[in-house]
Amino acid sequence: MAKTELIKDYTTGSIPKSLWKFALPFMLSNALQVVYSLVDMIVVGQYVGSFGLSGVTVGSSIVMFMTMIGLGFSNGGQIYIAQLIGAGRKKELNNAIGTLFTLILGMAVVLTAIGLFIGHPVLKLINTPAESYDYAWDYFLVCTVGNVFTFGYNMVSAVLRGMGDSKRPFIFVLIASVINLVLDILFIGLLQMGTFGAALATVIGQAFAFIYALIYLFRRKEAFGFDFKLKSFAIDKASAKHLCRLGIPLAIQSGAINLSMIYVNSLVNPISVYASATFGTGVKIDDVVNRITYGLAMAGSSMIGQNVAADKPERASAVVRWIWIYSTIFYAIFTIVMLCAPQFVFRIFTKDKPVIELAPVFVSAVVWSFPGMLLMRGTNALMNGIGNSPLNLVFGLLDGVVLRICLSYLFGIVLDMGLYGFFLGYGLAAYGTSIPGTIYYLSGKWKSYRMLKKGA
């Protein structure tokens, strides 16, 4: 089997066709990951009720904070690998992949230990409703212990996506989703294990996906570009430098945005357990279109990375424009559905009338974020693809730390808009990234930015 079989070249050919073909498995994978978490919410909502929904919302928000830190490094690895390929430096892949594996799995172990130590204090700090506290702790505990599988899956998928292969990661997450669905019904519906069962089903699904992915890569190590020898897992200084340069800003950015969401959750939680459940359910529903379009950005960043490293900035620019076009279509459809039938959609998750009645409040606030989100998909793909993660970090902090926190506090408390204000601040924060990112794209200054030199 040829060594380059898994590697795809996106520096030639039709951009809209290549982007769609490459991004479709990304989008399906992300959609399945959303379904993965939605299944937990639906089954918990139907069998445990709003207290369980609130518990999953709070517990998963803390788990997601850790996951997003690992995902930041994984995405950095994806960009680095894509640029190595675009620059014709494929001989460096073995060191890059081995270093990424060691860094990510080591990070998973450290964050698990930290998470278990600070779990209870954090749950209390963010005003977890008393009625859902035990549910939140059960979900948090099990998912935290399973961090190594989540980090591992994201790591393997990032490597494949950096090489231009988006189909295998889709298969991996499909396996996890099917297992999670079956086990959710078994653990929560039949065995009445509550949120503990929901988390256990999630972790087992992720474990199977990670193990299957490793087996797949090991059997195709010639084409993969990594020999799986023990010495290859040693940290290579040059690779670690590039991975940290990309991964640390992305991890901080992802962590900051998630931390700001936890803050908004802490503002919502004291209102009532139903408000907490509404926010959690709404965020998961909103995540459907966000994750699907994020798939476009993930695919686009690899394509942009290859083209920029190959000195083809005009093709990279065209990728951004086509991401915007495709994203506009998805957000337009989702907006129509959510505005026309918000309570119908929420009713899928819960039978509790107070949550269903609050659905229009969340929807009417969050739709204002959609134009900003679709612009962000293109600009983030650009900044990630060229490797300018420091600038992406600045924009991400503006989104998460400055705007989401400040706007939620401003609208909800200072202007006394209450729950609607908290939801509105959560949504409008997207413009903190999209507006300056669009200005950066239109300026053309990104064309002179180079992380790697071709054939160096």
Protein backbone atom coordinates (compact mmCIF):
# COMPACT_ATOMS: atom_id res chain seq x y z
CA MET A 1 0.00 0.00 0.00
CA ALA A 2 1.44 3.34 -1.00
CA LYS A 3 2.54 5.58 1.82
CA THR A 4 0.66 8.58 0.48
CA GLU A 5 -2.65 6.82 -0.02
CA LEU A 6 -4.30 8.49 2.95
CA ILE A 7 -3.03 11.94 1.94
CA LYS A 8 -5.16 14.12 -0.36
CA ASP A 9 -4.01 17.21 -2.25
CA TYR A 10 -6.39 20.19 -2.26
CA THR A 11 -4.08 22.66 -3.99
CA THR A 12 -5.68 21.92 -7.39
CA GLY A 13 -9.19 21.25 -8.73
CA SER A 14 -12.64 22.77 -8.20
CA ILE A 15 -12.85 24.55 -4.85
CA PRO A 16 -16.64 24.41 -4.28
CA LYS A 17 -16.75 20.74 -5.28
CA SER A 18 -13.67 19.81 -3.25
CA LEU A 19 -14.84 21.77 -0.20
CA TRP A 20 -18.28 20.18 -0.25
CA LYS A 21 -16.92 16.66 -0.79
CA PHE A 22 -14.28 17.09 1.91
CA ALA A 23 -16.58 18.91 4.35
CA LEU A 24 -19.59 16.60 4.08
CA PRO A 25 -18.08 13.86 6.31
CA PHE A 26 -16.96 16.62 8.70
CA MET A 27 -20.51 17.96 8.87
CA LEU A 28 -22.01 14.51 9.27
CA SER A 29 -19.47 13.67 11.97
CA ASN A 30 -20.24 16.87 13.85
CA ALA A 31 -23.97 16.32 13.41
CA LEU A 32 -23.58 12.84 14.88
CA GLN A 33 -21.61 14.26 17.79
CA VAL A 34 -24.49 16.65 18.43
CA VAL A 35 -26.94 13.76 18.14
CA TYR A 36 -24.64 11.92 20.53
CA SER A 37 -25.23 14.57 23.21
CA LEU A 38 -28.83 15.22 22.18
CA VAL A 39 -29.69 11.57 22.76
CA ASP A 40 -28.50 12.00 26.35
CA MET A 41 -30.69 15.08 26.72
CA ILE A 42 -33.75 13.48 25.11
CA VAL A 43 -33.62 10.22 27.05
CA VAL A 44 -32.79 11.99 30.33
CA GLY A 45 -35.53 14.53 29.70
CA GLN A 46 -38.14 11.86 29.06
CA TYR A 47 -37.16 9.50 31.90
CA VAL A 48 -35.68 11.81 34.56
CA GLY A 49 -37.29 15.19 33.79
CA SER A 50 -36.10 18.77 34.07
CA PHE A 51 -33.95 18.08 37.13
CA GLY A 52 -31.97 15.58 35.07
CA LEU A 53 -31.82 17.95 32.09
CA SER A 54 -30.42 20.66 34.31
CA GLY A 55 -27.89 18.20 35.74
CA VAL A 56 -26.66 17.17 32.29
CA THR A 57 -26.49 20.84 31.26
CA VAL A 58 -24.34 21.84 34.22
CA GLY A 59 -22.19 18.70 34.35
CA SER A 60 -21.50 18.65 30.63
CA SER A 61 -20.57 22.34 30.58
CA ILE A 62 -17.61 21.66 32.88
CA VAL A 63 -16.63 18.50 31.01
CA MET A 64 -16.81 20.43 27.75
CA PHE A 65 -14.38 23.00 29.16
CA MET A 66 -11.74 20.26 29.50
CA THR A 67 -12.67 18.71 26.16
CA MET A 68 -12.30 22.02 24.34
CA ILE A 69 -8.79 22.48 25.70
CA GLY A 70 -7.80 19.10 24.27
CA LEU A 71 -9.66 19.86 21.06
CA GLY A 72 -7.68 23.08 20.67
CA PHE A 73 -4.44 21.09 20.61
CA SER A 74 -5.98 18.50 18.28
CA ASN A 75 -7.03 21.24 15.86
CA GLY A 76 -3.54 22.68 16.07
CA GLY A 77 -2.22 19.26 15.08
CA GLN A 78 -4.63 19.13 12.14
CA ILE A 79 -3.38 22.50 10.86
CA TYR A 80 0.29 21.57 11.35
CA ILE A 81 -0.11 18.29 9.46
CA ALA A 82 -2.02 19.99 6.62
CA GLN A 83 0.74 22.59 6.27
CA LEU A 84 3.49 19.95 6.32
CA ILE A 85 1.73 18.22 3.43
CA GLY A 86 1.15 21.47 1.53
CA ALA A 87 4.81 22.47 2.00
CA GLY A 88 6.03 19.08 0.73
CA ARG A 89 7.55 18.11 4.09
CA LYS A 90 5.94 14.69 4.52
CA LYS A 91 9.09 13.17 6.05
CA GLU A 92 8.34 15.14 9.22
CA LEU A 93 4.92 13.55 9.71
CA ASN A 94 6.18 10.72 11.94
CA ASN A 95 7.70 13.09 14.49
CA ALA A 96 4.69 15.40 14.34
CA ILE A 97 2.14 12.63 14.89
CA GLY A 98 4.10 10.91 17.68
CA THR A 99 4.55 14.20 19.52
CA LEU A 100 0.86 15.05 19.14
CA PHE A 101 -0.17 11.64 20.53
CA THR A 102 2.01 12.01 23.62
CA LEU A 103 1.01 15.61 24.32
CA ILE A 104 -2.74 15.00 23.94
CA LEU A 105 -2.93 11.80 25.99
CA GLY A 106 -0.72 13.29 28.69
CA MET A 107 -3.00 16.30 28.81
CA ALA A 108 -6.03 14.04 29.20
CA VAL A 109 -4.52 12.38 32.27
CA VAL A 110 -3.59 15.71 33.90
CA LEU A 111 -6.99 17.33 33.26
CA THR A 112 -8.78 14.25 34.60
CA ALA A 113 -6.87 14.49 37.88
CA ILE A 114 -7.53 18.22 38.14
CA GLY A 115 -11.20 17.81 37.25
CA LEU A 116 -11.81 15.20 39.93
CA PHE A 117 -10.14 17.42 42.52
CA ILE A 118 -12.08 20.62 41.75
CA GLY A 119 -15.40 19.12 40.59
CA HIS A 120 -17.49 19.79 43.71
CA PRO A 121 -16.17 23.33 44.32
CA VAL A 122 -16.88 24.30 40.70
CA LEU A 123 -20.42 22.91 40.79
CA LYS A 124 -21.11 25.03 43.85
CA LEU A 125 -19.37 28.07 42.38
CA ILE A 126 -21.65 28.13 39.30
CA ASN A 127 -24.83 28.00 41.38
CA THR A 128 -25.93 24.49 40.43
CA PRO A 129 -29.60 24.13 41.45
CA ALA A 130 -29.98 21.96 44.56
CA GLU A 131 -32.55 19.78 42.78
CA SER A 132 -30.09 18.84 40.03
CA TYR A 133 -26.78 18.84 41.95
CA ASP A 134 -26.46 15.06 42.33
CA TYR A 135 -27.42 14.54 38.68
CA ALA A 136 -24.75 17.05 37.62
CA TRP A 137 -22.07 15.41 39.75
CA ASP A 138 -22.83 11.91 38.42
CA TYR A 139 -22.60 13.09 34.82
CA PHE A 140 -19.44 15.11 35.43
CA LEU A 141 -17.68 12.30 37.34
CA VAL A 142 -18.13 9.59 34.73
CA CYS A 143 -17.33 11.82 31.73
CA THR A 144 -14.21 13.17 33.43
CA VAL A 145 -12.89 9.67 34.07
CA GLY A 146 -13.44 8.97 30.37
CA ASN A 147 -11.42 12.00 29.21
CA VAL A 148 -8.67 9.84 27.71
CA PHE A 149 -11.10 8.32 25.20
CA THR A 150 -12.56 11.68 24.18
CA PHE A 151 -9.14 13.25 23.77
CA GLY A 152 -7.86 10.18 21.96
CA TYR A 153 -10.69 10.16 19.42
CA ASN A 154 -10.28 13.87 18.69
CA MET A 155 -6.53 13.41 18.32
CA VAL A 156 -6.74 10.56 15.79
CA SER A 157 -9.48 12.32 13.83
CA ALA A 158 -7.45 15.54 13.68
CA VAL A 159 -4.49 13.71 12.17
CA LEU A 160 -6.63 12.09 9.49
CA ARG A 161 -8.40 15.36 8.69
CA GLY A 162 -5.09 17.15 8.39
CA MET A 163 -4.17 14.58 5.74
CA GLY A 164 -7.39 15.31 3.88
CA ASP A 165 -9.32 12.24 5.05
CA SER A 166 -12.69 13.15 6.56
CA LYS A 167 -14.53 9.88 5.86
CA ARG A 168 -12.86 7.68 8.47
CA PRO A 169 -13.52 10.07 11.38
CA PHE A 170 -17.18 10.03 10.34
CA ILE A 171 -17.21 6.23 10.57
CA PHE A 172 -15.58 6.39 14.00
CA VAL A 173 -18.17 8.80 15.42
CA LEU A 174 -20.99 6.82 13.79
CA ILE A 175 -19.89 3.78 15.79
CA ALA A 176 -19.83 5.85 18.99
CA SER A 177 -23.28 7.33 18.29
CA VAL A 178 -24.95 3.96 17.69
CA ILE A 179 -23.41 2.50 20.84
CA ASN A 180 -24.42 5.57 22.85
CA LEU A 181 -28.03 5.40 21.64
CA VAL A 182 -28.42 1.72 22.50
CA LEU A 183 -26.78 2.08 25.90
CA ASP A 184 -28.75 5.24 26.75
CA ILE A 185 -31.99 3.35 26.30
CA LEU A 186 -30.61 0.42 28.31
CA PHE A 187 -29.00 2.37 31.16
CA ILE A 188 -31.51 5.21 31.54
CA GLY A 189 -34.76 3.70 30.27
CA LEU A 190 -34.54 0.12 31.46
CA LEU A 191 -32.03 0.18 34.32
CA GLN A 192 -33.06 3.63 35.62
CA MET A 193 -29.44 4.78 36.07
CA GLY A 194 -30.24 8.45 35.47
CA THR A 195 -27.46 10.84 34.44
CA PHE A 196 -24.82 8.37 35.61
CA GLY A 197 -26.09 5.99 32.94
CA ALA A 198 -26.15 8.74 30.32
CA ALA A 199 -22.52 9.58 31.00
CA LEU A 200 -21.51 5.92 31.08
CA ALA A 201 -23.13 5.33 27.69
CA THR A 202 -21.24 8.32 26.29
CA VAL A 203 -17.87 7.17 27.61
CA ILE A 204 -18.30 3.59 26.41
CA GLY A 205 -19.23 4.84 22.93
CA GLN A 206 -16.17 7.09 22.82
CA ALA A 207 -13.94 4.27 24.04
CA PHE A 208 -15.06 1.96 21.24
CA ALA A 209 -14.56 4.73 18.66
CA PHE A 210 -11.05 5.51 19.91
CA ILE A 211 -9.97 1.86 20.03
CA TYR A 212 -11.39 1.18 16.57
CA ALA A 213 -9.60 4.26 15.20
CA LEU A 214 -6.26 3.15 16.66
CA ILE A 215 -6.64 -0.34 15.20
CA TYR A 216 -7.48 1.17 11.81
CA LEU A 217 -4.42 3.41 11.85
CA PHE A 218 -2.08 0.68 13.08
CA ARG A 219 -3.11 -1.66 10.28
CA ARG A 220 -2.47 1.12 7.74
CA LYS A 221 0.60 2.65 9.31
CA GLU A 222 2.49 2.62 6.00
CA ALA A 223 -0.08 4.88 4.36
CA PHE A 224 -0.66 6.77 7.60
CA GLY A 225 2.93 7.98 7.87
CA PHE A 226 3.45 6.89 11.49
CA ASP A 227 5.29 3.68 12.39
CA PHE A 228 3.87 3.22 15.94
CA LYS A 229 7.31 2.36 17.31
CA LEU A 230 7.79 3.23 20.97
CA LYS A 231 10.64 5.65 20.21
CA SER A 232 8.36 7.55 17.83
CA PHE A 233 6.17 8.64 20.76
CA ALA A 234 9.08 10.64 22.18
CA ILE A 235 8.44 14.37 22.07
CA ASP A 236 10.27 15.98 19.14
CA LYS A 237 11.29 19.53 20.06
CA ALA A 238 10.68 21.05 16.64
CA SER A 239 7.26 19.43 16.31
CA ALA A 240 6.34 20.29 19.88
CA LYS A 241 7.26 23.93 19.23
CA HIS A 242 4.91 24.16 16.24
CA LEU A 243 2.14 22.21 17.98
CA CYS A 244 2.33 24.40 21.07
CA ARG A 245 2.47 27.54 18.95
CA LEU A 246 -0.77 26.47 17.30
CA GLY A 247 -2.38 24.45 20.07
CA ILE A 248 -1.93 26.70 23.11
CA PRO A 249 -3.75 29.73 21.64
CA LEU A 250 -6.51 27.48 20.23
CA ALA A 251 -6.85 25.68 23.58
CA ILE A 252 -7.01 28.97 25.50
CA GLN A 253 -9.51 30.35 23.00
CA SER A 254 -11.73 27.26 23.19
CA GLY A 255 -11.44 27.11 26.96
CA ALA A 256 -12.23 30.81 27.35
CA ILE A 257 -15.33 30.60 25.18
CA ASN A 258 -16.55 27.56 27.09
CA LEU A 259 -15.76 29.24 30.40
CA SER A 260 -17.88 32.19 29.37
CA MET A 261 -20.75 29.81 28.62
CA ILE A 262 -20.37 28.35 32.11
CA TYR A 263 -20.62 31.91 33.44
CA VAL A 264 -23.85 32.52 31.53
CA ASN A 265 -25.11 29.23 32.91
CA SER A 266 -24.29 30.45 36.42
CA LEU A 267 -26.45 33.55 35.79
CA VAL A 268 -29.34 31.43 34.54
CA ASN A 269 -29.19 28.71 37.20
CA PRO A 270 -30.46 30.82 40.16
CA ILE A 271 -33.62 31.83 38.24
CA SER A 272 -35.02 28.29 38.36
CA VAL A 273 -34.21 24.71 37.47
CA TYR A 274 -36.54 25.14 34.47
CA ALA A 275 -34.56 28.14 33.22
CA SER A 276 -31.40 26.03 33.56
CA ALA A 277 -33.02 23.19 31.63
CA THR A 278 -34.20 25.63 28.93
CA PHE A 279 -30.72 27.06 28.47
CA GLY A 280 -29.15 23.61 28.30
CA THR A 281 -31.72 22.32 25.84
CA GLY A 282 -31.53 25.47 23.72
CA VAL A 283 -27.75 25.38 23.53
CA LYS A 284 -27.86 21.74 22.40
CA ILE A 285 -30.43 22.53 19.70
CA ASP A 286 -28.45 25.60 18.61
CA ASP A 287 -25.40 23.38 18.50
CA VAL A 288 -26.92 21.38 15.64
CA VAL A 289 -26.44 24.10 13.01
CA ASN A 290 -23.30 25.44 14.70
CA ARG A 291 -21.57 22.07 14.62
CA ILE A 292 -22.65 21.31 11.06
CA THR A 293 -21.26 24.61 9.78
CA TYR A 294 -18.20 24.15 11.98
CA GLY A 295 -17.55 21.11 9.82
CA LEU A 296 -17.19 23.47 6.87
CA ALA A 297 -14.67 25.52 8.83
CA MET A 298 -12.70 22.43 9.87
CA ALA A 299 -12.48 21.17 6.30
CA GLY A 300 -11.75 24.65 5.03
CA SER A 301 -8.87 25.17 7.46
CA SER A 302 -7.08 22.09 6.11
CA MET A 303 -7.65 23.21 2.51
CA ILE A 304 -6.49 26.74 3.34
CA GLY A 305 -3.45 25.34 5.17
CA GLN A 306 -2.39 23.32 2.15
CA ASN A 307 -2.90 26.18 -0.30
CA VAL A 308 -1.17 28.84 1.79
CA ALA A 309 1.82 26.54 2.37
CA ALA A 310 1.87 25.88 -1.39
CA ASP A 311 1.88 29.65 -2.11
CA LYS A 312 -1.64 29.73 -3.54
CA PRO A 313 -3.38 32.48 -1.51
CA GLU A 314 -6.12 33.10 -4.09
CA ARG A 315 -7.35 29.53 -3.75
CA ALA A 316 -7.30 29.97 0.04
CA SER A 317 -9.37 33.15 -0.34
CA ALA A 318 -11.90 31.34 -2.51
CA VAL A 319 -12.28 28.65 0.18
CA VAL A 320 -13.33 31.34 2.67
CA ARG A 321 -15.97 32.68 0.28
CA TRP A 322 -17.43 29.26 -0.38
CA ILE A 323 -17.59 28.52 3.36
CA TRP A 324 -19.69 31.68 3.72
CA ILE A 325 -22.01 30.63 0.88
CA TYR A 326 -22.63 27.14 2.23
CA SER A 327 -23.00 28.40 5.83
CA THR A 328 -25.59 30.99 4.78
CA ILE A 329 -27.79 28.24 3.34
CA PHE A 330 -27.66 26.17 6.53
CA TYR A 331 -28.31 29.08 8.90
CA ALA A 332 -31.23 30.34 6.77
CA ILE A 333 -32.95 26.95 6.92
CA PHE A 334 -32.35 26.58 10.65
CA THR A 335 -33.63 30.10 11.37
CA ILE A 336 -36.91 29.39 9.59
CA VAL A 337 -37.44 26.12 11.46
CA MET A 338 -36.65 27.59 14.88
CA LEU A 339 -38.76 30.73 14.49
CA CYS A 340 -41.75 28.82 13.14
CA ALA A 341 -41.81 25.94 15.63
CA PRO A 342 -39.67 26.57 18.74
CA GLN A 343 -41.96 24.79 21.19
CA PHE A 344 -42.35 21.80 18.88
CA VAL A 345 -38.57 21.37 18.77
CA PHE A 346 -38.17 21.73 22.55
CA ARG A 347 -41.00 19.25 23.12
CA ILE A 348 -38.77 16.55 21.65
CA PHE A 349 -36.59 16.85 24.73
CA THR A 350 -39.00 17.35 27.57
CA LYS A 351 -42.62 17.12 28.62
CA ASP A 352 -42.25 19.81 31.29
CA LYS A 353 -44.54 22.71 30.41
CA PRO A 354 -42.39 25.47 32.01
CA VAL A 355 -39.43 24.55 29.77
CA ILE A 356 -41.59 24.37 26.64
CA GLU A 357 -43.11 27.78 27.42
CA LEU A 358 -39.63 29.31 27.73
CA ALA A 359 -38.54 27.97 24.31
CA PRO A 360 -39.55 31.12 22.34
CA VAL A 361 -37.56 33.27 24.78
CA PHE A 362 -34.35 31.41 23.98
CA VAL A 363 -34.99 31.18 20.23
CA SER A 364 -35.94 34.85 19.79
CA ALA A 365 -32.63 35.83 21.41
CA VAL A 366 -30.23 33.35 19.85
CA VAL A 367 -31.26 33.87 16.19
CA TRP A 368 -29.53 37.27 16.33
CA SER A 369 -26.23 35.41 16.52
CA PHE A 370 -26.60 33.52 13.24
CA PRO A 371 -25.21 36.19 10.82
CA GLY A 372 -22.18 36.54 13.06
CA MET A 373 -21.74 32.77 13.30
CA LEU A 374 -21.77 32.22 9.54
CA LEU A 375 -19.15 34.95 9.02
CA MET A 376 -17.07 33.42 11.80
CA ARG A 377 -16.98 30.06 10.04
CA GLY A 378 -15.04 31.52 7.13
CA THR A 379 -12.75 33.84 9.08
CA ASN A 380 -11.85 31.23 11.73
CA ALA A 381 -11.05 28.72 8.99
CA LEU A 382 -8.73 31.31 7.45
CA MET A 383 -6.87 32.16 10.67
CA ASN A 384 -6.58 28.50 11.66
CA GLY A 385 -5.54 27.44 8.17
CA ILE A 386 -2.70 29.94 7.84
CA GLY A 387 -1.56 29.12 11.36
CA ASN A 388 -2.21 32.58 12.83
CA SER A 389 -3.56 31.18 16.07
CA PRO A 390 -2.36 34.15 18.19
CA LEU A 391 -4.74 36.45 16.30
CA ASN A 392 -7.46 33.82 16.54
CA LEU A 393 -6.82 33.76 20.28
CA VAL A 394 -7.30 37.53 20.54
CA PHE A 395 -10.59 37.35 18.67
CA GLY A 396 -11.68 34.33 20.69
CA LEU A 397 -11.00 36.10 23.99
CA LEU A 398 -12.93 39.11 22.71
CA ASP A 399 -15.83 36.76 21.93
CA GLY A 400 -15.75 34.67 25.08
CA VAL A 401 -14.23 36.65 27.92
CA VAL A 402 -15.17 40.21 26.97
CA LEU A 403 -18.43 40.14 25.03
CA ARG A 404 -20.27 37.01 26.20
CA ILE A 405 -19.67 37.73 29.86
CA CYS A 406 -20.11 41.50 29.64
CA LEU A 407 -23.13 41.47 27.32
CA SER A 408 -24.93 38.80 29.35
CA TYR A 409 -24.37 40.81 32.51
CA LEU A 410 -25.31 44.08 30.77
CA PHE A 411 -28.56 42.88 29.21
CA GLY A 412 -29.62 40.50 31.96
CA ILE A 413 -28.73 42.44 35.10
CA VAL A 414 -27.83 46.07 34.34
CA LEU A 415 -30.68 46.57 31.84
CA ASP A 416 -32.86 44.19 33.84
CA MET A 417 -33.89 42.12 30.81
CA GLY A 418 -33.67 38.93 32.85
CA LEU A 419 -33.55 35.55 31.16
CA TYR A 420 -33.94 37.00 27.66
CA GLY A 421 -30.99 39.32 28.34
CA PHE A 422 -28.75 36.43 29.38
CA PHE A 423 -29.66 34.51 26.23
CA LEU A 424 -29.17 37.60 24.05
CA GLY A 425 -25.71 38.30 25.47
CA TYR A 426 -24.77 34.67 24.89
CA GLY A 427 -25.70 34.97 21.21
CA LEU A 428 -24.38 38.43 20.30
CA ALA A 429 -20.87 37.55 21.51
CA ALA A 430 -20.24 35.90 18.12
CA TYR A 431 -19.74 39.32 16.54
CA GLY A 432 -16.63 39.83 18.67
CA THR A 433 -14.89 37.33 16.40
CA SER A 434 -16.74 37.66 13.12
CA ILE A 435 -16.46 41.43 12.60
CA PRO A 436 -12.69 41.84 13.19
CA GLY A 437 -12.10 38.52 11.42
CA THR A 438 -13.92 39.74 8.32
CA ILE A 439 -11.94 42.99 8.36
CA TYR A 440 -8.71 40.95 8.56
CA TYR A 441 -9.79 38.83 5.58
CA LEU A 442 -10.77 41.83 3.45
CA SER A 443 -7.51 43.63 4.27
CA GLY A 444 -5.49 40.90 2.56
CA LYS A 445 -2.74 41.09 5.18
CA TRP A 446 -3.11 37.38 5.87
CA LYS A 447 -1.59 36.58 2.44
CA SER A 448 1.90 37.45 3.70
CA TYR A 449 1.62 35.28 6.85
CA ARG A 450 3.69 32.07 6.68
CA MET A 451 4.14 29.44 9.36
CA LEU A 452 6.12 26.93 7.26
CA LYS A 453 8.29 27.32 4.21
CA LYS A 454 7.66 25.12 1.18
CA GLY A 455 10.05 22.16 0.96
CA ALA A 456 12.17 23.42 3.84
